[in-house]
């Protein structure tokens, strides 16, 4: 079985549980996403070391501050040297450029992913924050900033992938993705894995559907048997 082109979001209540998930799934998925809940726990070091041994580490820290402060934040991650780290594009082009220059200067492998818009937000939310602008217009503006700053990729909803296809050089990592059809939750702009890759996703992020499954390996193996689509899998 090849690895699903996915990062599993490690959002369990304890890193002990997260560690168990990593050990079970490390040969089945491309990597693991570590966010606030897991990263800020005192026992995060063991979890991160286990991920680095066999998979890709995606630190979803969504940095958003003045350029110097973001660079200082990145400097604290040098010893970890994650494969991917997130910054909010709304922090501005200068912030993104300074982050990229720091990564290049330090010669570390970390790729910078710019968060366009959280999948929990829709047009109503956007209008309340940014005025008369649509979600699509705002995301295009953010994508243009990412392109100008020459960062590595975007975090974008599956519904936004089609109109971002012109940004060929940017990786597109899509959260809010489900392997199967599911009930609605707090993520408003969601999509299935098949649709995401069809529309141009480089990788997807899956979480609760796998983490909360009684047998996550079995869930992935069944999905593999059902969806032997070469676009979904990598070695």
Protein backbone atom coordinates (compact mmCIF):
# COMPACT_ATOMS: atom_id res chain seq x y z
CA UNK A 1 0.00 0.00 0.00
CA UNK A 2 1.33 3.43 -0.95
CA UNK A 3 1.01 6.49 1.29
CA UNK A 4 -2.04 8.70 1.01
CA UNK A 5 -1.06 12.24 -0.03
CA UNK A 6 -2.35 13.51 3.27
CA UNK A 7 -1.28 15.04 6.54
CA UNK A 8 -3.14 13.64 9.53
CA UNK A 9 -4.05 16.43 11.96
CA UNK A 10 -2.95 15.34 15.43
CA UNK A 11 -5.63 16.94 17.57
CA UNK A 12 -6.12 14.32 20.26
CA UNK A 13 -6.45 15.45 23.87
CA UNK A 14 -3.05 14.01 24.77
CA UNK A 15 0.23 13.57 22.94
CA UNK A 16 0.26 10.00 24.18
CA UNK A 17 -2.73 9.39 21.92
CA UNK A 18 -1.14 11.41 19.13
CA UNK A 19 2.02 9.34 19.39
CA UNK A 20 0.00 6.13 19.11
CA UNK A 21 -1.64 7.47 15.94
CA UNK A 22 1.74 8.35 14.42
CA UNK A 23 3.10 4.88 15.11
CA UNK A 24 0.04 3.28 13.55
CA UNK A 25 -0.20 5.45 10.45
CA UNK A 26 3.39 6.49 9.64
CA UNK A 27 3.60 3.95 6.80
CA UNK A 28 0.20 4.88 5.41
CA UNK A 29 0.16 8.70 5.13
CA UNK A 30 2.59 11.32 3.81
CA UNK A 31 2.92 13.21 7.09
CA UNK A 32 1.39 14.65 10.24
CA UNK A 33 0.13 18.10 11.10
CA UNK A 34 0.92 19.37 14.58
CA UNK A 35 -1.10 22.40 15.67
CA UNK A 36 -1.48 24.48 18.81
CA UNK A 37 -3.08 21.83 20.97
CA UNK A 38 -0.28 19.32 20.50
CA UNK A 39 2.71 21.61 19.99
CA UNK A 40 2.25 23.60 23.18
CA UNK A 41 2.11 20.55 25.42
CA UNK A 42 5.23 19.93 27.53
CA UNK A 43 5.72 16.44 26.04
CA UNK A 44 5.73 17.58 22.40
CA UNK A 45 9.39 16.66 21.88
CA UNK A 46 8.78 12.91 21.86
CA UNK A 47 5.92 13.31 19.40
CA UNK A 48 7.94 15.50 17.03
CA UNK A 49 10.95 13.18 17.11
CA UNK A 50 8.75 10.22 16.21
CA UNK A 51 7.24 12.07 13.25
CA UNK A 52 10.60 13.23 11.93
CA UNK A 53 11.96 9.67 11.98
CA UNK A 54 9.62 8.37 9.32
CA UNK A 55 7.31 11.07 7.98
CA UNK A 56 6.91 14.72 7.08
CA UNK A 57 6.36 17.20 9.89
CA UNK A 58 3.87 19.97 9.23
CA UNK A 59 3.83 22.57 12.03
CA UNK A 60 0.57 24.46 11.77
CA UNK A 61 1.46 27.45 13.93
CA UNK A 62 -0.18 30.12 11.73
CA UNK A 63 2.36 32.81 12.57
CA UNK A 64 1.03 36.34 12.18
CA UNK A 65 2.99 39.30 13.50
CA UNK A 66 5.45 42.00 12.48
CA UNK A 67 8.25 40.61 10.26
CA UNK A 68 10.95 40.65 12.94
CA UNK A 69 8.80 38.79 15.45
CA UNK A 70 7.89 36.12 12.89
CA UNK A 71 11.57 35.65 12.02
CA UNK A 72 12.34 35.26 15.72
CA UNK A 73 9.61 32.65 15.92
CA UNK A 74 11.10 30.75 13.00
CA UNK A 75 14.55 30.91 14.59
CA UNK A 76 13.18 29.02 17.59
CA UNK A 77 12.25 26.17 15.24
CA UNK A 78 15.70 25.68 13.68
CA UNK A 79 16.51 22.66 15.86
CA UNK A 80 13.21 21.06 14.88
CA UNK A 81 13.62 21.95 11.18
CA UNK A 82 10.02 21.10 10.23
CA UNK A 83 9.21 20.22 6.64
CA UNK A 84 6.37 22.76 6.53
CA UNK A 85 5.25 25.70 8.65
CA UNK A 86 2.25 28.02 8.26
CA UNK A 87 2.03 31.81 8.27
CA UNK A 88 -1.08 33.92 7.77
CA UNK A 89 -0.81 35.70 4.40
CA UNK A 90 -2.80 38.55 5.95
CA UNK A 91 0.40 39.42 7.82
CA UNK A 92 1.54 41.03 4.57
CA UNK A 93 4.11 40.63 1.81
CA UNK A 94 6.99 42.00 3.88
CA UNK A 95 6.38 39.47 6.64
CA UNK A 96 6.31 36.62 4.12
CA UNK A 97 9.45 37.81 2.36
CA UNK A 98 11.43 38.17 5.57
CA UNK A 99 10.38 34.67 6.62
CA UNK A 100 11.48 33.25 3.26
CA UNK A 101 14.83 35.08 3.41
CA UNK A 102 15.48 33.70 6.90
CA UNK A 103 14.77 30.13 5.80
CA UNK A 104 17.14 30.55 2.85
CA UNK A 105 19.86 32.16 4.96
CA UNK A 106 19.77 29.38 7.56
CA UNK A 107 19.70 26.70 4.83
CA UNK A 108 16.96 24.70 6.50
CA UNK A 109 14.47 22.51 4.65
CA UNK A 110 11.31 24.19 5.94
CA UNK A 111 8.74 25.20 3.31
CA UNK A 112 6.52 28.18 4.06
CA UNK A 113 2.79 27.72 3.54
CA UNK A 114 0.57 30.79 3.50
CA UNK A 115 -2.88 30.50 5.06
CA UNK A 116 -5.40 32.14 2.72
CA UNK A 117 -8.67 31.88 4.63
CA UNK A 118 -9.78 29.57 7.41
CA UNK A 119 -12.28 26.93 6.29
CA UNK A 120 -14.59 28.02 9.12
CA UNK A 121 -15.23 31.34 7.31
CA UNK A 122 -17.69 32.09 4.50
CA UNK A 123 -18.86 35.17 2.57
CA UNK A 124 -20.92 36.45 5.48
CA UNK A 125 -17.90 36.34 7.77
CA UNK A 126 -15.71 38.00 5.13
CA UNK A 127 -18.10 40.90 4.62
CA UNK A 128 -18.24 41.53 8.37
CA UNK A 129 -14.42 41.78 8.51
CA UNK A 130 -13.34 43.16 5.13
CA UNK A 131 -16.41 44.92 3.76
CA UNK A 132 -17.68 44.54 0.20
CA UNK A 133 -15.39 41.80 -1.07
CA UNK A 134 -16.15 38.16 -1.84
CA UNK A 135 -14.30 35.17 -0.47
CA UNK A 136 -12.94 34.46 -3.94
CA UNK A 137 -11.65 38.00 -4.46
CA UNK A 138 -9.96 38.03 -1.07
CA UNK A 139 -8.28 34.65 -1.60
CA UNK A 140 -7.00 35.74 -5.01
CA UNK A 141 -5.50 38.82 -3.38
CA UNK A 142 -3.80 36.61 -0.80
CA UNK A 143 -2.54 34.22 -3.49
CA UNK A 144 -1.02 37.15 -5.39
CA UNK A 145 0.80 38.25 -2.23
CA UNK A 146 2.12 34.72 -1.73
CA UNK A 147 3.34 34.61 -5.33
CA UNK A 148 5.10 37.98 -5.04
CA UNK A 149 6.73 36.95 -1.77
CA UNK A 150 7.90 33.68 -3.40
CA UNK A 151 6.80 31.42 -0.58
CA UNK A 152 6.26 27.71 -1.23
CA UNK A 153 2.55 27.16 -1.05
CA UNK A 154 -0.96 27.93 0.08
CA UNK A 155 -3.36 26.53 2.62
CA UNK A 156 -6.68 26.78 0.80
CA UNK A 157 -10.17 25.35 0.89
CA UNK A 158 -11.11 22.69 -1.63
CA UNK A 159 -13.74 25.05 -3.00
CA UNK A 160 -11.00 27.55 -3.85
CA UNK A 161 -8.71 25.16 -5.75
CA UNK A 162 -10.16 25.62 -9.23
CA UNK A 163 -9.62 29.36 -9.40
CA UNK A 164 -6.12 28.98 -7.91
CA UNK A 165 -4.93 26.63 -10.65
CA UNK A 166 -3.10 29.47 -12.40
CA UNK A 167 -0.66 29.62 -9.48
CA UNK A 168 1.26 26.62 -10.77
CA UNK A 169 4.42 27.08 -8.69
CA UNK A 170 2.59 27.16 -5.37
CA UNK A 171 1.84 23.96 -3.48
CA UNK A 172 -1.79 23.73 -2.46
CA UNK A 173 -2.57 22.00 0.83
CA UNK A 174 -6.28 21.60 1.48
CA UNK A 175 -7.81 21.19 4.96
CA UNK A 176 -11.43 20.43 5.71
CA UNK A 177 -11.22 17.29 3.56
CA UNK A 178 -13.17 14.10 4.15
CA UNK A 179 -12.39 10.66 2.78
CA UNK A 180 -16.08 9.89 2.76
CA UNK A 181 -19.27 11.95 2.86
CA UNK A 182 -19.82 13.27 6.36
CA UNK A 183 -22.18 15.37 8.42
CA UNK A 184 -21.63 19.12 8.55
CA UNK A 185 -19.44 20.48 11.34
CA UNK A 186 -17.70 23.80 12.09
CA UNK A 187 -15.87 23.84 8.74
CA UNK A 188 -18.14 25.48 6.18
CA UNK A 189 -16.09 25.13 3.01
CA UNK A 190 -15.28 21.42 2.82
CA UNK A 191 -14.67 18.88 0.03
CA UNK A 192 -14.03 15.17 -0.51
CA UNK A 193 -10.49 13.84 -1.07
CA UNK A 194 -11.26 12.76 -4.62
CA UNK A 195 -12.62 16.20 -5.50
CA UNK A 196 -9.69 17.97 -3.86
CA UNK A 197 -7.06 16.16 -5.92
CA UNK A 198 -9.14 16.44 -9.06
CA UNK A 199 -9.29 20.20 -8.56
CA UNK A 200 -5.55 20.63 -8.04
CA UNK A 201 -4.63 19.91 -4.42
CA UNK A 202 -1.03 18.85 -3.82
CA UNK A 203 -1.85 17.36 -0.42
CA UNK A 204 -4.89 17.19 1.84
CA UNK A 205 -5.37 17.39 5.60
CA UNK A 206 -7.60 14.86 7.33
CA UNK A 207 -8.24 14.64 11.04
CA UNK A 208 -11.25 13.68 13.11
CA UNK A 209 -12.45 11.10 10.60
CA UNK A 210 -9.22 9.10 11.07
CA UNK A 211 -8.25 10.01 14.64
CA UNK A 212 -11.67 9.08 16.01
CA UNK A 213 -11.92 5.84 14.04
CA UNK A 214 -11.73 2.61 16.03
CA UNK A 215 -9.31 1.18 13.47
CA UNK A 216 -7.63 4.00 11.46
CA UNK A 217 -5.38 1.63 9.50
CA UNK A 218 -8.37 -0.41 8.42
CA UNK A 219 -10.16 2.79 7.38
CA UNK A 220 -7.24 3.81 5.15
CA UNK A 221 -6.79 0.32 3.72
CA UNK A 222 -10.47 0.12 2.81
CA UNK A 223 -10.23 3.53 1.20
CA UNK A 224 -7.15 2.42 -0.72
CA UNK A 225 -8.96 -0.62 -2.07
CA UNK A 226 -11.94 1.48 -3.07
CA UNK A 227 -9.98 4.43 -4.50
CA UNK A 228 -6.88 3.12 -6.26
CA UNK A 229 -6.59 6.46 -8.02
CA UNK A 230 -2.91 7.27 -8.69
CA UNK A 231 -3.55 10.95 -7.88
CA UNK A 232 -4.30 10.04 -4.27
CA UNK A 233 -1.18 8.08 -3.38
CA UNK A 234 2.59 8.50 -3.18
CA UNK A 235 5.45 6.19 -2.19
